[in-house]
PDB file of N, CA and C in Angstrom:
ATOM      1  N   MET A   1     -59.150  48.995  19.473  1.00  0.00           N
ATOM      2  CA  MET A   1     -57.883  48.295  19.448  1.00  0.00           C
ATOM      3  C   MET A   1     -58.149  46.788  19.436  1.00  0.00           C
ATOM      4  N   LYS A   2     -57.411  46.055  18.640  1.00  0.00           N
ATOM      5  CA  LYS A   2     -57.610  44.620  18.488  1.00  0.00           C
ATOM      6  C   LYS A   2     -57.184  43.868  19.743  1.00  0.00           C
ATOM      7  N   LEU A   3     -57.857  42.737  19.978  1.00  0.00           N
ATOM      8  CA  LEU A   3     -57.537  41.870  21.103  1.00  0.00           C
ATOM      9  C   LEU A   3     -57.493  40.435  20.588  1.00  0.00           C
ATOM     10  N   TYR A   4     -56.455  39.697  20.990  1.00  0.00           N
ATOM     11  CA  TYR A   4     -56.264  38.332  20.534  1.00  0.00           C
ATOM     12  C   TYR A   4     -56.231  37.367  21.718  1.00  0.00           C
ATOM     13  N   LYS A   5     -56.866  36.227  21.530  1.00  0.00           N
ATOM     14  CA  LYS A   5     -56.743  35.120  22.475  1.00  0.00           C
ATOM     15  C   LYS A   5     -55.729  34.162  21.868  1.00  0.00           C
ATOM     16  N   VAL A   6     -54.634  33.934  22.577  1.00  0.00           N
ATOM     17  CA  VAL A   6     -53.547  33.092  22.095  1.00  0.00           C
ATOM     18  C   VAL A   6     -53.522  31.817  22.941  1.00  0.00           C
ATOM     19  N   THR A   7     -53.647  30.679  22.275  1.00  0.00           N
ATOM     20  CA  THR A   7     -53.619  29.383  22.952  1.00  0.00           C
ATOM     21  C   THR A   7     -52.385  28.639  22.470  1.00  0.00           C
ATOM     22  N   PHE A   8     -51.555  28.191  23.429  1.00  0.00           N
ATOM     23  CA  PHE A   8     -50.306  27.532  23.062  1.00  0.00           C
ATOM     24  C   PHE A   8     -49.950  26.444  24.060  1.00  0.00           C
ATOM     25  N   LEU A   9     -49.104  25.519  23.615  1.00  0.00           N
ATOM     26  CA  LEU A   9     -48.658  24.395  24.424  1.00  0.00           C
ATOM     27  C   LEU A   9     -47.306  24.726  25.044  1.00  0.00           C
ATOM     28  N   ASN A  10     -47.176  24.449  26.359  1.00  0.00           N
ATOM     29  CA  ASN A  10     -45.938  24.736  27.073  1.00  0.00           C
ATOM     30  C   ASN A  10     -45.762  23.704  28.190  1.00  0.00           C
ATOM     31  N   HIS A  11     -44.755  22.829  28.087  1.00  0.00           N
ATOM     32  CA  HIS A  11     -44.447  21.820  29.102  1.00  0.00           C
ATOM     33  C   HIS A  11     -45.657  20.971  29.477  1.00  0.00           C
ATOM     34  N   GLY A  12     -46.379  20.464  28.490  1.00  0.00           N
ATOM     35  CA  GLY A  12     -47.507  19.579  28.740  1.00  0.00           C
ATOM     36  C   GLY A  12     -48.770  20.276  29.209  1.00  0.00           C
ATOM     37  N   ARG A  13     -48.777  21.588  29.133  1.00  0.00           N
ATOM     38  CA  ARG A  13     -49.947  22.357  29.540  1.00  0.00           C
ATOM     39  C   ARG A  13     -50.375  23.272  28.400  1.00  0.00           C
ATOM     40  N   VAL A  14     -51.669  23.510  28.324  1.00  0.00           N
ATOM     41  CA  VAL A  14     -52.217  24.410  27.321  1.00  0.00           C
ATOM     42  C   VAL A  14     -52.543  25.730  28.005  1.00  0.00           C
ATOM     43  N   TYR A  15     -51.886  26.787  27.555  1.00  0.00           N
ATOM     44  CA  TYR A  15     -52.096  28.126  28.098  1.00  0.00           C
ATOM     45  C   TYR A  15     -53.007  28.904  27.159  1.00  0.00           C
ATOM     46  N   SER A  16     -53.928  29.663  27.721  1.00  0.00           N
ATOM     47  CA  SER A  16     -54.735  30.615  26.949  1.00  0.00           C
ATOM     48  C   SER A  16     -54.588  31.965  27.616  1.00  0.00           C
ATOM     49  N   LEU A  17     -54.080  32.929  26.867  1.00  0.00           N
ATOM     50  CA  LEU A  17     -53.952  34.276  27.405  1.00  0.00           C
ATOM     51  C   LEU A  17     -54.307  35.290  26.337  1.00  0.00           C
ATOM     52  N   TYR A  18     -54.403  36.543  26.727  1.00  0.00           N
ATOM     53  CA  TYR A  18     -54.875  37.604  25.839  1.00  0.00           C
ATOM     54  C   TYR A  18     -53.777  38.629  25.618  1.00  0.00           C
ATOM     55  N   ALA A  19     -53.720  39.145  24.381  1.00  0.00           N
ATOM     56  CA  ALA A  19     -52.689  40.113  24.011  1.00  0.00           C
ATOM     57  C   ALA A  19     -53.249  41.098  22.996  1.00  0.00           C
ATOM     58  N   ARG A  20     -52.647  42.257  22.948  1.00  0.00           N
ATOM     59  CA  ARG A  20     -53.045  43.292  21.983  1.00  0.00           C
ATOM     60  C   ARG A  20     -52.306  43.184  20.659  1.00  0.00           C
ATOM     61  N   ARG A  21     -51.109  42.546  20.668  1.00  0.00           N
ATOM     62  CA  ARG A  21     -50.344  42.436  19.428  1.00  0.00           C
ATOM     63  C   ARG A  21     -49.865  41.011  19.211  1.00  0.00           C
ATOM     64  N   VAL A  22     -50.071  40.518  17.993  1.00  0.00           N
ATOM     65  CA  VAL A  22     -49.552  39.215  17.569  1.00  0.00           C
ATOM     66  C   VAL A  22     -48.991  39.399  16.164  1.00  0.00           C
ATOM     67  N   ALA A  23     -47.776  38.899  15.944  1.00  0.00           N
ATOM     68  CA  ALA A  23     -47.135  39.067  14.632  1.00  0.00           C
ATOM     69  C   ALA A  23     -46.075  37.991  14.445  1.00  0.00           C
ATOM     70  N   SER A  24     -45.575  37.887  13.221  1.00  0.00           N
ATOM     71  CA  SER A  24     -44.418  37.030  12.965  1.00  0.00           C
ATOM     72  C   SER A  24     -43.228  37.653  13.664  1.00  0.00           C
ATOM     73  N   SER A  25     -42.467  36.852  14.348  1.00  0.00           N
ATOM     74  CA  SER A  25     -41.317  37.338  15.089  1.00  0.00           C
ATOM     75  C   SER A  25     -40.138  37.589  14.157  1.00  0.00           C
ATOM     76  N   SER A  26     -39.239  38.454  14.585  1.00  0.00           N
ATOM     77  CA  SER A  26     -37.991  38.644  13.841  1.00  0.00           C
ATOM     78  C   SER A  26     -37.073  37.432  14.033  1.00  0.00           C
ATOM     79  N   LEU A  27     -37.393  36.590  15.016  1.00  0.00           N
ATOM     80  CA  LEU A  27     -36.682  35.336  15.218  1.00  0.00           C
ATOM     81  C   LEU A  27     -37.343  34.287  14.338  1.00  0.00           C
ATOM     82  N   TRP A  28     -36.608  33.685  13.454  1.00  0.00           N
ATOM     83  CA  TRP A  28     -37.171  32.743  12.496  1.00  0.00           C
ATOM     84  C   TRP A  28     -37.856  31.581  13.216  1.00  0.00           C
ATOM     85  N   GLY A  29     -39.109  31.273  12.822  1.00  0.00           N
ATOM     86  CA  GLY A  29     -39.848  30.148  13.378  1.00  0.00           C
ATOM     87  C   GLY A  29     -40.633  30.459  14.640  1.00  0.00           C
ATOM     88  N   PHE A  30     -40.718  31.726  14.999  1.00  0.00           N
ATOM     89  CA  PHE A  30     -41.415  32.111  16.226  1.00  0.00           C
ATOM     90  C   PHE A  30     -42.565  33.071  15.924  1.00  0.00           C
ATOM     91  N   THR A  31     -43.562  33.076  16.817  1.00  0.00           N
ATOM     92  CA  THR A  31     -44.668  34.029  16.764  1.00  0.00           C
ATOM     93  C   THR A  31     -44.483  35.001  17.915  1.00  0.00           C
ATOM     94  N   GLU A  32     -44.598  36.270  17.634  1.00  0.00           N
ATOM     95  CA  GLU A  32     -44.400  37.318  18.629  1.00  0.00           C
ATOM     96  C   GLU A  32     -45.754  37.711  19.234  1.00  0.00           C
ATOM     97  N   VAL A  33     -45.835  37.672  20.553  1.00  0.00           N
ATOM     98  CA  VAL A  33     -47.044  38.043  21.283  1.00  0.00           C
ATOM     99  C   VAL A  33     -46.653  39.135  22.271  1.00  0.00           C
ATOM    100  N   ALA A  34     -47.316  40.292  22.184  1.00  0.00           N
ATOM    101  CA  ALA A  34     -46.940  41.432  23.027  1.00  0.00           C
ATOM    102  C   ALA A  34     -48.175  42.117  23.604  1.00  0.00           C
ATOM    103  N   ASP A  35     -47.934  42.985  24.549  1.00  0.00           N
ATOM    104  CA  ASP A  35     -48.990  43.719  25.259  1.00  0.00           C
ATOM    105  C   ASP A  35     -49.996  42.748  25.863  1.00  0.00           C
ATOM    106  N   LEU A  36     -49.479  41.834  26.696  1.00  0.00           N
ATOM    107  CA  LEU A  36     -50.333  40.852  27.352  1.00  0.00           C
ATOM    108  C   LEU A  36     -51.335  41.560  28.254  1.00  0.00           C
ATOM    109  N   GLN A  37     -52.555  41.039  28.292  1.00  0.00           N
ATOM    110  CA  GLN A  37     -53.640  41.660  29.041  1.00  0.00           C
ATOM    111  C   GLN A  37     -54.017  40.774  30.231  1.00  0.00           C
ATOM    112  N   PHE A  38     -54.017  41.374  31.416  1.00  0.00           N
ATOM    113  CA  PHE A  38     -54.400  40.680  32.638  1.00  0.00           C
ATOM    114  C   PHE A  38     -55.488  41.472  33.336  1.00  0.00           C
ATOM    115  N   ASP A  39     -56.382  40.756  34.030  1.00  0.00           N
ATOM    116  CA  ASP A  39     -57.410  41.429  34.818  1.00  0.00           C
ATOM    117  C   ASP A  39     -56.738  42.135  35.983  1.00  0.00           C
ATOM    118  N   VAL A  40     -57.229  43.306  36.301  1.00  0.00           N
ATOM    119  CA  VAL A  40     -56.736  44.043  37.458  1.00  0.00           C
ATOM    120  C   VAL A  40     -57.840  43.997  38.501  1.00  0.00           C
ATOM    121  N   ASN A  41     -57.613  43.181  39.527  1.00  0.00           N
ATOM    122  CA  ASN A  41     -58.615  43.025  40.584  1.00  0.00           C
ATOM    123  C   ASN A  41     -58.154  43.733  41.838  1.00  0.00           C
ATOM    124  N   ASP A  42     -58.926  44.723  42.257  1.00  0.00           N
ATOM    125  CA  ASP A  42     -58.629  45.422  43.495  1.00  0.00           C
ATOM    126  C   ASP A  42     -59.468  44.881  44.644  1.00  0.00           C
ATOM    127  N   GLY A  43     -60.382  43.965  44.333  1.00  0.00           N
ATOM    128  CA  GLY A  43     -61.290  43.453  45.345  1.00  0.00           C
ATOM    129  C   GLY A  43     -60.707  42.267  46.095  1.00  0.00           C
ATOM    130  N   VAL A  44     -61.565  41.611  46.851  1.00  0.00           N
ATOM    131  CA  VAL A  44     -61.170  40.489  47.678  1.00  0.00           C
ATOM    132  C   VAL A  44     -61.027  39.206  46.845  1.00  0.00           C
ATOM    133  N   VAL A  45     -61.893  39.014  45.848  1.00  0.00           N
ATOM    134  CA  VAL A  45     -61.876  37.799  45.048  1.00  0.00           C
ATOM    135  C   VAL A  45     -60.807  37.904  43.964  1.00  0.00           C
ATOM    136  N   ILE A  46     -59.912  36.922  43.947  1.00  0.00           N
ATOM    137  CA  ILE A  46     -58.823  36.896  42.968  1.00  0.00           C
ATOM    138  C   ILE A  46     -58.885  35.579  42.223  1.00  0.00           C
ATOM    139  N   ASP A  47     -58.824  35.646  40.888  1.00  0.00           N
ATOM    140  CA  ASP A  47     -58.806  34.445  40.063  1.00  0.00           C
ATOM    141  C   ASP A  47     -57.406  33.838  40.159  1.00  0.00           C
ATOM    142  N   PRO A  48     -57.255  32.607  40.691  1.00  0.00           N
ATOM    143  CA  PRO A  48     -55.917  32.026  40.856  1.00  0.00           C
ATOM    144  C   PRO A  48     -55.189  31.797  39.538  1.00  0.00           C
ATOM    145  N   THR A  49     -55.920  31.492  38.469  1.00  0.00           N
ATOM    146  CA  THR A  49     -55.280  31.295  37.174  1.00  0.00           C
ATOM    147  C   THR A  49     -54.705  32.610  36.665  1.00  0.00           C
ATOM    148  N   GLU A  50     -55.506  33.661  36.741  1.00  0.00           N
ATOM    149  CA  GLU A  50     -55.048  34.980  36.305  1.00  0.00           C
ATOM    150  C   GLU A  50     -53.838  35.423  37.123  1.00  0.00           C
ATOM    151  N   GLU A  51     -53.861  35.150  38.416  1.00  0.00           N
ATOM    152  CA  GLU A  51     -52.747  35.505  39.299  1.00  0.00           C
ATOM    153  C   GLU A  51     -51.481  34.742  38.907  1.00  0.00           C
ATOM    154  N   ARG A  52     -51.617  33.455  38.605  1.00  0.00           N
ATOM    155  CA  ARG A  52     -50.452  32.654  38.208  1.00  0.00           C
ATOM    156  C   ARG A  52     -49.879  33.133  36.878  1.00  0.00           C
ATOM    157  N   LEU A  53     -50.755  33.436  35.901  1.00  0.00           N
ATOM    158  CA  LEU A  53     -50.281  33.944  34.614  1.00  0.00           C
ATOM    159  C   LEU A  53     -49.595  35.297  34.781  1.00  0.00           C
ATOM    160  N   ARG A  54     -50.139  36.137  35.622  1.00  0.00           N
ATOM    161  CA  ARG A  54     -49.526  37.448  35.874  1.00  0.00           C
ATOM    162  C   ARG A  54     -48.162  37.278  36.532  1.00  0.00           C
ATOM    163  N   ASP A  55     -48.047  36.302  37.461  1.00  0.00           N
ATOM    164  CA  ASP A  55     -46.753  36.035  38.095  1.00  0.00           C
ATOM    165  C   ASP A  55     -45.732  35.550  37.073  1.00  0.00           C
ATOM    166  N   GLU A  56     -46.173  34.695  36.148  1.00  0.00           N
ATOM    167  CA  GLU A  56     -45.261  34.102  35.165  1.00  0.00           C
ATOM    168  C   GLU A  56     -44.921  35.060  34.027  1.00  0.00           C
ATOM    169  N   PHE A  57     -45.907  35.834  33.547  1.00  0.00           N
ATOM    170  CA  PHE A  57     -45.707  36.656  32.354  1.00  0.00           C
ATOM    171  C   PHE A  57     -45.873  38.157  32.586  1.00  0.00           C
ATOM    172  N   GLY A  58     -46.102  38.577  33.815  1.00  0.00           N
ATOM    173  CA  GLY A  58     -46.400  39.980  34.099  1.00  0.00           C
ATOM    174  C   GLY A  58     -45.318  40.960  33.680  1.00  0.00           C
ATOM    175  N   ASP A  59     -44.065  40.554  33.760  1.00  0.00           N
ATOM    176  CA  ASP A  59     -42.954  41.437  33.391  1.00  0.00           C
ATOM    177  C   ASP A  59     -42.487  41.214  31.955  1.00  0.00           C
ATOM    178  N   THR A  60     -43.197  40.384  31.206  1.00  0.00           N
ATOM    179  CA  THR A  60     -42.811  40.050  29.839  1.00  0.00           C
ATOM    180  C   THR A  60     -43.214  41.165  28.886  1.00  0.00           C
ATOM    181  N   GLN A  61     -42.250  41.695  28.162  1.00  0.00           N
ATOM    182  CA  GLN A  61     -42.549  42.724  27.168  1.00  0.00           C
ATOM    183  C   GLN A  61     -43.027  42.089  25.876  1.00  0.00           C
ATOM    184  N   VAL A  62     -42.304  41.072  25.407  1.00  0.00           N
ATOM    185  CA  VAL A  62     -42.662  40.357  24.189  1.00  0.00           C
ATOM    186  C   VAL A  62     -42.421  38.873  24.436  1.00  0.00           C
ATOM    187  N   LEU A  63     -43.424  38.069  24.115  1.00  0.00           N
ATOM    188  CA  LEU A  63     -43.324  36.625  24.250  1.00  0.00           C
ATOM    189  C   LEU A  63     -43.095  36.050  22.857  1.00  0.00           C
ATOM    190  N   HIS A  64     -42.007  35.316  22.671  1.00  0.00           N
ATOM    191  CA  HIS A  64     -41.702  34.687  21.386  1.00  0.00           C
ATOM    192  C   HIS A  64     -42.023  33.204  21.528  1.00  0.00           C
ATOM    193  N   LEU A  65     -43.088  32.758  20.887  1.00  0.00           N
ATOM    194  CA  LEU A  65     -43.528  31.368  20.968  1.00  0.00           C
ATOM    195  C   LEU A  65     -43.087  30.612  19.721  1.00  0.00           C
ATOM    196  N   PRO A  66     -42.535  29.408  19.886  1.00  0.00           N
ATOM    197  CA  PRO A  66     -42.227  28.600  18.707  1.00  0.00           C
ATOM    198  C   PRO A  66     -43.525  28.346  17.931  1.00  0.00           C
ATOM    199  N   MET A  67     -43.468  28.482  16.606  1.00  0.00           N
ATOM    200  CA  MET A  67     -44.690  28.343  15.799  1.00  0.00           C
ATOM    201  C   MET A  67     -45.380  27.005  16.035  1.00  0.00           C
ATOM    202  N   GLN A  68     -44.616  25.932  16.246  1.00  0.00           N
ATOM    203  CA  GLN A  68     -45.237  24.625  16.420  1.00  0.00           C
ATOM    204  C   GLN A  68     -45.948  24.483  17.768  1.00  0.00           C
ATOM    205  N   SER A  69     -45.710  25.397  18.715  1.00  0.00           N
ATOM    206  CA  SER A  69     -46.402  25.322  20.000  1.00  0.00           C
ATOM    207  C   SER A  69     -47.733  26.084  19.986  1.00  0.00           C
ATOM    208  N   VAL A  70     -47.936  26.937  18.991  1.00  0.00           N
ATOM    209  CA  VAL A  70     -49.166  27.727  18.915  1.00  0.00           C
ATOM    210  C   VAL A  70     -50.297  26.833  18.404  1.00  0.00           C
ATOM    211  N   ILE A  71     -51.355  26.744  19.201  1.00  0.00           N
ATOM    212  CA  ILE A  71     -52.517  25.946  18.828  1.00  0.00           C
ATOM    213  C   ILE A  71     -53.514  26.794  18.059  1.00  0.00           C
ATOM    214  N   ARG A  72     -53.755  28.004  18.548  1.00  0.00           N
ATOM    215  CA  ARG A  72     -54.769  28.860  17.930  1.00  0.00           C
ATOM    216  C   ARG A  72     -54.538  30.307  18.333  1.00  0.00           C
ATOM    217  N   ILE A  73     -54.837  31.203  17.398  1.00  0.00           N
ATOM    218  CA  ILE A  73     -54.860  32.639  17.674  1.00  0.00           C
ATOM    219  C   ILE A  73     -56.205  33.148  17.183  1.00  0.00           C
ATOM    220  N   GLU A  74     -56.978  33.726  18.082  1.00  0.00           N
ATOM    221  CA  GLU A  74     -58.304  34.228  17.741  1.00  0.00           C
ATOM    222  C   GLU A  74     -58.367  35.735  17.978  1.00  0.00           C
ATOM    223  N   GLU A  75     -58.957  36.461  17.054  1.00  0.00           N
ATOM    224  CA  GLU A  75     -59.245  37.876  17.300  1.00  0.00           C
ATOM    225  C   GLU A  75     -60.617  37.909  17.962  1.00  0.00           C
ATOM    226  N   VAL A  76     -60.704  38.499  19.156  1.00  0.00           N
ATOM    227  CA  VAL A  76     -61.933  38.469  19.941  1.00  0.00           C
ATOM    228  C   VAL A  76     -62.428  39.883  20.238  1.00  0.00           C
ATOM    229  N   GLU A  77     -63.707  39.975  20.585  1.00  0.00           N
ATOM    230  CA  GLU A  77     -64.332  41.261  20.920  1.00  0.00           C
ATOM    231  C   GLU A  77     -63.905  41.752  22.300  1.00  0.00           C
ATOM    232  N   ARG A  78     -63.874  40.808  23.283  1.00  0.00           N
ATOM    233  CA  ARG A  78     -63.539  41.202  24.660  1.00  0.00           C
ATOM    234  C   ARG A  78     -62.784  40.064  25.343  1.00  0.00           C
ATOM    235  N   LYS A  79     -62.120  40.411  26.407  1.00  0.00           N
ATOM    236  CA  LYS A  79     -61.314  39.442  27.136  1.00  0.00           C
ATOM    237  C   LYS A  79     -62.210  38.480  27.900  1.00  0.00           C
ATOM    238  N   GLY A  80     -61.873  37.203  27.793  1.00  0.00           N
ATOM    239  CA  GLY A  80     -62.544  36.165  28.569  1.00  0.00           C
ATOM    240  C   GLY A  80     -61.616  35.707  29.679  1.00  0.00           C
ATOM    241  N   GLN A  81     -61.875  34.524  30.177  1.00  0.00           N
ATOM    242  CA  GLN A  81     -61.067  33.983  31.255  1.00  0.00           C
ATOM    243  C   GLN A  81     -59.812  33.318  30.698  1.00  0.00           C
ATOM    244  N   SER A  82     -58.673  33.677  31.249  1.00  0.00           N
ATOM    245  CA  SER A  82     -57.412  33.022  30.891  1.00  0.00           C
ATOM    246  C   SER A  82     -57.400  31.640  31.518  1.00  0.00           C
ATOM    247  N   ALA A  83     -56.585  30.736  30.969  1.00  0.00           N
ATOM    248  CA  ALA A  83     -56.588  29.369  31.489  1.00  0.00           C
ATOM    249  C   ALA A  83     -55.230  28.717  31.350  1.00  0.00           C
ATOM    250  N   ILE A  84     -54.997  27.757  32.244  1.00  0.00           N
ATOM    251  CA  ILE A  84     -53.865  26.840  32.140  1.00  0.00           C
ATOM    252  C   ILE A  84     -54.465  25.466  32.353  1.00  0.00           C
ATOM    253  N   ARG A  85     -54.376  24.617  31.322  1.00  0.00           N
ATOM    254  CA  ARG A  85     -54.990  23.287  31.392  1.00  0.00           C
ATOM    255  C   ARG A  85     -53.954  22.207  31.080  1.00  0.00           C
ATOM    256  N   ASP A  86     -54.199  21.025  31.620  1.00  0.00           N
ATOM    257  CA  ASP A  86     -53.372  19.882  31.303  1.00  0.00           C
ATOM    258  C   ASP A  86     -53.643  19.486  29.855  1.00  0.00           C
ATOM    259  N   ALA A  87     -52.610  19.284  29.066  1.00  0.00           N
ATOM    260  CA  ALA A  87     -52.780  18.985  27.641  1.00  0.00           C
ATOM    261  C   ALA A  87     -53.471  17.644  27.411  1.00  0.00           C
ATOM    262  N   ALA A  88     -53.237  16.662  28.263  1.00  0.00           N
ATOM    263  CA  ALA A  88     -53.801  15.332  28.068  1.00  0.00           C
ATOM    264  C   ALA A  88     -55.259  15.243  28.511  1.00  0.00           C
ATOM    265  N   THR A  89     -55.584  15.848  29.660  1.00  0.00           N
ATOM    266  CA  THR A  89     -56.933  15.692  30.220  1.00  0.00           C
ATOM    267  C   THR A  89     -57.829  16.893  29.985  1.00  0.00           C
ATOM    268  N   GLY A  90     -57.240  18.055  29.754  1.00  0.00           N
ATOM    269  CA  GLY A  90     -58.028  19.276  29.593  1.00  0.00           C
ATOM    270  C   GLY A  90     -58.461  19.891  30.908  1.00  0.00           C
ATOM    271  N   GLU A  91     -58.063  19.293  32.036  1.00  0.00           N
ATOM    272  CA  GLU A  91     -58.440  19.813  33.344  1.00  0.00           C
ATOM    273  C   GLU A  91     -57.554  20.982  33.731  1.00  0.00           C
ATOM    274  N   SER A  92     -58.145  21.904  34.468  1.00  0.00           N
ATOM    275  CA  SER A  92     -57.405  23.062  34.958  1.00  0.00           C
ATOM    276  C   SER A  92     -56.297  22.593  35.887  1.00  0.00           C
ATOM    277  N   VAL A  93     -55.110  23.173  35.759  1.00  0.00           N
ATOM    278  CA  VAL A  93     -54.005  22.810  36.641  1.00  0.00           C
ATOM    279  C   VAL A  93     -53.836  23.815  37.767  1.00  0.00           C
ATOM    280  N   VAL A  94     -54.600  24.890  37.736  1.00  0.00           N
ATOM    281  CA  VAL A  94     -54.576  25.879  38.813  1.00  0.00           C
ATOM    282  C   VAL A  94     -55.912  25.776  39.526  1.00  0.00           C
ATOM    283  N   MET A  95     -55.850  25.417  40.783  1.00  0.00           N
ATOM    284  CA  MET A  95     -57.064  25.253  41.570  1.00  0.00           C
ATOM    285  C   MET A  95     -57.226  26.418  42.525  1.00  0.00           C
ATOM    286  N   ALA A  96     -58.469  26.726  42.821  1.00  0.00           N
ATOM    287  CA  ALA A  96     -58.750  27.766  43.810  1.00  0.00           C
ATOM    288  C   ALA A  96     -58.275  27.284  45.179  1.00  0.00           C
ATOM    289  N   PHE A  97     -57.943  28.226  46.043  1.00  0.00           N
ATOM    290  CA  PHE A  97     -57.512  27.901  47.395  1.00  0.00           C
ATOM    291  C   PHE A  97     -58.657  27.200  48.105  1.00  0.00           C
ATOM    292  N   PRO A  98     -58.424  26.032  48.720  1.00  0.00           N
ATOM    293  CA  PRO A  98     -59.522  25.298  49.346  1.00  0.00           C
ATOM    294  C   PRO A  98     -60.093  26.043  50.536  1.00  0.00           C
ATOM    295  N   LEU A  99     -61.402  25.960  50.680  1.00  0.00           N
ATOM    296  CA  LEU A  99     -62.078  26.592  51.804  1.00  0.00           C
ATOM    297  C   LEU A  99     -61.955  25.692  53.023  1.00  0.00           C
ATOM    298  N   PRO A 100     -61.886  26.270  54.226  1.00  0.00           N
ATOM    299  CA  PRO A 100     -61.805  25.430  55.423  1.00  0.00           C
ATOM    300  C   PRO A 100     -63.088  24.638  55.618  1.00  0.00           C
ATOM    301  N   ARG A 101     -62.933  23.413  56.089  1.00  0.00           N
ATOM    302  CA  ARG A 101     -64.093  22.564  56.340  1.00  0.00           C
ATOM    303  C   ARG A 101     -64.407  22.583  57.817  1.00  0.00           C
ATOM    304  N   ARG A 102     -65.690  22.457  58.096  1.00  0.00           N
ATOM    305  CA  ARG A 102     -66.124  22.419  59.484  1.00  0.00           C
ATOM    306  C   ARG A 102     -65.782  21.053  60.070  1.00  0.00           C
ATOM    307  N   ALA A 103     -65.438  21.005  61.333  1.00  0.00           N
ATOM    308  CA  ALA A 103     -65.038  19.760  61.983  1.00  0.00           C
ATOM    309  C   ALA A 103     -66.211  18.810  62.177  1.00  0.00           C
ATOM    310  N   ASP A 104     -67.454  19.311  62.232  1.00  0.00           N
ATOM    311  CA  ASP A 104     -68.613  18.456  62.498  1.00  0.00           C
ATOM    312  C   ASP A 104     -69.211  17.838  61.233  1.00  0.00           C
ATOM    313  N   THR A 105     -68.602  18.032  60.057  1.00  0.00           N
ATOM    314  CA  THR A 105     -69.143  17.447  58.830  1.00  0.00           C
ATOM    315  C   THR A 105     -68.335  16.266  58.371  1.00  0.00           C
TER     316      THR A 105
END
């Protein structure tokens, strides 16, 4: 089954996520992205970016993206890391939860 990495601009941020279906939308000027793929982590370590994307798009059946917001669509062999980055700097906007610091350092 095909897998696509979809990179798009949304509110000054660049999102990269994975989907099984990408097509021209029935809505004129939009790209249809469906069957979004998220990592399923049952362990202790959770990727905060993946968690945020799942919170935002987890219940989405079909995502209709304006064509001008789509930066790139790649057909890939396997799923990589999803990302949310600042469009201007390229820095990740989702940070891992900070670890507690020792008082003596």
